[in-house]
């Protein structure tokens, strides 16, 4: 899957849930719920002097209100439906008064 194809998956998420997504480069914070994503360094596998596997890693940050469990469930369902595996971690964001759910996704 390419970054463009991943963004098409995110477009579907926004259409279904109404939750906007952005690439991490934007000027002002969006209130929860919202999703921010960015590319991370991947691991390349070489054989016989050429790359045979170029993994692309995405970090998606889903910001939600503390009582919102439906947004994370909807995002996880979408990832699974598109054959994308992920690792998940939650954290509290004091300055926003929100919860962030980090998803590390290999595309």
C-alpha atoms as a PDB file:
ATOM      1  CA  UNK A   1       0.000   0.000   0.000  1.00  0.00           C
ATOM      2  CA  UNK A   2       1.239   3.484  -0.812  1.00  0.00           C
ATOM      3  CA  UNK A   3       0.785   6.671   1.210  1.00  0.00           C
ATOM      4  CA  UNK A   4      -1.836   7.836  -1.329  1.00  0.00           C
ATOM      5  CA  UNK A   5      -3.775   4.580  -0.912  1.00  0.00           C
ATOM      6  CA  UNK A   6      -3.540   4.941   2.874  1.00  0.00           C
ATOM      7  CA  UNK A   7      -4.980   8.462   2.561  1.00  0.00           C
ATOM      8  CA  UNK A   8      -7.890   6.980   0.577  1.00  0.00           C
ATOM      9  CA  UNK A   9      -8.534   4.687   3.557  1.00  0.00           C
ATOM     10  CA  UNK A  10      -8.485   7.771   5.809  1.00  0.00           C
ATOM     11  CA  UNK A  11     -10.892   9.535   3.427  1.00  0.00           C
ATOM     12  CA  UNK A  12     -13.323   6.660   3.998  1.00  0.00           C
ATOM     13  CA  UNK A  13     -12.845   6.992   7.764  1.00  0.00           C
ATOM     14  CA  UNK A  14     -13.739  10.691   7.575  1.00  0.00           C
ATOM     15  CA  UNK A  15     -16.787  10.018   5.388  1.00  0.00           C
ATOM     16  CA  UNK A  16     -18.117   7.389   7.788  1.00  0.00           C
ATOM     17  CA  UNK A  17     -17.274   9.032  11.133  1.00  0.00           C
ATOM     18  CA  UNK A  18     -16.989  12.731  10.336  1.00  0.00           C
ATOM     19  CA  UNK A  19     -13.599  12.755  12.083  1.00  0.00           C
ATOM     20  CA  UNK A  20     -11.113  14.881  10.130  1.00  0.00           C
ATOM     21  CA  UNK A  21      -7.551  13.794   9.483  1.00  0.00           C
ATOM     22  CA  UNK A  22      -4.458  15.820   8.727  1.00  0.00           C
ATOM     23  CA  UNK A  23      -0.832  15.288   7.918  1.00  0.00           C
ATOM     24  CA  UNK A  24       1.184  16.409  10.935  1.00  0.00           C
ATOM     25  CA  UNK A  25       2.191  19.675   9.257  1.00  0.00           C
ATOM     26  CA  UNK A  26      -0.625  22.119   9.910  1.00  0.00           C
ATOM     27  CA  UNK A  27      -0.825  25.471  11.614  1.00  0.00           C
ATOM     28  CA  UNK A  28      -3.454  25.212  14.320  1.00  0.00           C
ATOM     29  CA  UNK A  29      -4.696  22.376  16.541  1.00  0.00           C
ATOM     30  CA  UNK A  30      -7.980  20.699  15.675  1.00  0.00           C
ATOM     31  CA  UNK A  31     -10.271  19.872  18.608  1.00  0.00           C
ATOM     32  CA  UNK A  32     -11.044  16.228  19.369  1.00  0.00           C
ATOM     33  CA  UNK A  33     -11.946  13.995  17.774  1.00  0.00           C
ATOM     34  CA  UNK A  34      -9.306  14.306  15.068  1.00  0.00           C
ATOM     35  CA  UNK A  35      -6.566  12.169  13.537  1.00  0.00           C
ATOM     36  CA  UNK A  36      -3.022  13.208  12.672  1.00  0.00           C
ATOM     37  CA  UNK A  37      -0.627  10.975  10.730  1.00  0.00           C
ATOM     38  CA  UNK A  38       2.971  11.054   9.611  1.00  0.00           C
ATOM     39  CA  UNK A  39       5.502   8.753   8.011  1.00  0.00           C
ATOM     40  CA  UNK A  40       8.232   7.193  10.143  1.00  0.00           C
ATOM     41  CA  UNK A  41      11.530   5.706   9.057  1.00  0.00           C
ATOM     42  CA  UNK A  42      10.997   2.226   7.676  1.00  0.00           C
ATOM     43  CA  UNK A  43      13.189  -0.823   7.609  1.00  0.00           C
ATOM     44  CA  UNK A  44      14.601  -1.752   4.226  1.00  0.00           C
ATOM     45  CA  UNK A  45      15.619  -5.318   3.466  1.00  0.00           C
ATOM     46  CA  UNK A  46      18.341  -5.885   0.892  1.00  0.00           C
ATOM     47  CA  UNK A  47      19.472  -8.999  -0.915  1.00  0.00           C
ATOM     48  CA  UNK A  48      22.152  -9.253  -3.588  1.00  0.00           C
ATOM     49  CA  UNK A  49      22.737  -5.512  -3.428  1.00  0.00           C
ATOM     50  CA  UNK A  50      19.139  -4.429  -4.133  1.00  0.00           C
ATOM     51  CA  UNK A  51      16.180  -3.525  -1.964  1.00  0.00           C
ATOM     52  CA  UNK A  52      13.660  -6.334  -1.927  1.00  0.00           C
ATOM     53  CA  UNK A  53      11.383  -4.934   0.760  1.00  0.00           C
ATOM     54  CA  UNK A  54      10.756  -1.288   1.598  1.00  0.00           C
ATOM     55  CA  UNK A  55       8.357  -1.094   4.523  1.00  0.00           C
ATOM     56  CA  UNK A  56       6.599   2.188   5.174  1.00  0.00           C
ATOM     57  CA  UNK A  57       5.614   2.922   8.751  1.00  0.00           C
ATOM     58  CA  UNK A  58       2.841   5.323   9.649  1.00  0.00           C
ATOM     59  CA  UNK A  59       2.194   6.827  13.074  1.00  0.00           C
ATOM     60  CA  UNK A  60      -1.439   7.850  13.443  1.00  0.00           C
ATOM     61  CA  UNK A  61      -2.496   9.845  16.499  1.00  0.00           C
ATOM     62  CA  UNK A  62      -6.216   9.784  17.233  1.00  0.00           C
ATOM     63  CA  UNK A  63      -7.201  12.537  19.683  1.00  0.00           C
ATOM     64  CA  UNK A  64     -10.481  11.834  21.478  1.00  0.00           C
ATOM     65  CA  UNK A  65     -12.447  13.047  24.461  1.00  0.00           C
ATOM     66  CA  UNK A  66     -11.930  10.902  27.583  1.00  0.00           C
ATOM     67  CA  UNK A  67     -15.387   9.303  27.305  1.00  0.00           C
ATOM     68  CA  UNK A  68     -15.148   8.528  23.551  1.00  0.00           C
ATOM     69  CA  UNK A  69     -14.464   4.851  22.928  1.00  0.00           C
ATOM     70  CA  UNK A  70     -16.357   4.633  19.622  1.00  0.00           C
ATOM     71  CA  UNK A  71     -13.815   6.624  17.565  1.00  0.00           C
ATOM     72  CA  UNK A  72     -10.925   4.273  18.366  1.00  0.00           C
ATOM     73  CA  UNK A  73     -13.101   1.220  17.721  1.00  0.00           C
ATOM     74  CA  UNK A  74     -14.169   2.635  14.331  1.00  0.00           C
ATOM     75  CA  UNK A  75     -10.574   3.371  13.331  1.00  0.00           C
ATOM     76  CA  UNK A  76      -9.396  -0.095  14.369  1.00  0.00           C
ATOM     77  CA  UNK A  77     -12.247  -1.710  12.443  1.00  0.00           C
ATOM     78  CA  UNK A  78     -11.251   0.270   9.354  1.00  0.00           C
ATOM     79  CA  UNK A  79      -7.590  -0.739   9.664  1.00  0.00           C
ATOM     80  CA  UNK A  80      -8.529  -4.406  10.071  1.00  0.00           C
ATOM     81  CA  UNK A  81     -10.982  -4.279   7.142  1.00  0.00           C
ATOM     82  CA  UNK A  82      -8.142  -2.959   4.961  1.00  0.00           C
ATOM     83  CA  UNK A  83      -5.690  -5.658   6.057  1.00  0.00           C
ATOM     84  CA  UNK A  84      -3.503  -3.259   8.049  1.00  0.00           C
ATOM     85  CA  UNK A  85      -1.900  -4.458  11.260  1.00  0.00           C
ATOM     86  CA  UNK A  86      -1.200  -1.996  14.043  1.00  0.00           C
ATOM     87  CA  UNK A  87       0.172  -1.551  17.539  1.00  0.00           C
ATOM     88  CA  UNK A  88      -1.809   0.707  19.858  1.00  0.00           C
ATOM     89  CA  UNK A  89      -0.899   2.800  22.895  1.00  0.00           C
ATOM     90  CA  UNK A  90      -2.953   5.343  24.877  1.00  0.00           C
ATOM     91  CA  UNK A  91      -1.810   8.494  26.671  1.00  0.00           C
ATOM     92  CA  UNK A  92      -3.385  11.475  28.413  1.00  0.00           C
ATOM     93  CA  UNK A  93      -2.621  14.929  26.961  1.00  0.00           C
ATOM     94  CA  UNK A  94      -2.849  17.419  29.852  1.00  0.00           C
ATOM     95  CA  UNK A  95      -2.683  20.604  27.810  1.00  0.00           C
ATOM     96  CA  UNK A  96      -5.576  19.446  25.616  1.00  0.00           C
ATOM     97  CA  UNK A  97      -7.589  17.607  28.273  1.00  0.00           C
ATOM     98  CA  UNK A  98      -7.883  14.741  25.804  1.00  0.00           C
ATOM     99  CA  UNK A  99      -6.737  11.190  25.261  1.00  0.00           C
ATOM    100  CA  UNK A 100      -4.444  10.338  22.369  1.00  0.00           C
ATOM    101  CA  UNK A 101      -4.327   6.849  20.932  1.00  0.00           C
ATOM    102  CA  UNK A 102      -1.113   6.172  19.035  1.00  0.00           C
ATOM    103  CA  UNK A 103      -1.263   3.654  16.209  1.00  0.00           C
ATOM    104  CA  UNK A 104       1.902   2.327  14.578  1.00  0.00           C
ATOM    105  CA  UNK A 105       0.885   0.931  11.212  1.00  0.00           C
ATOM    106  CA  UNK A 106       2.918  -0.832   8.530  1.00  0.00           C
ATOM    107  CA  UNK A 107       1.659  -0.214   5.019  1.00  0.00           C
END
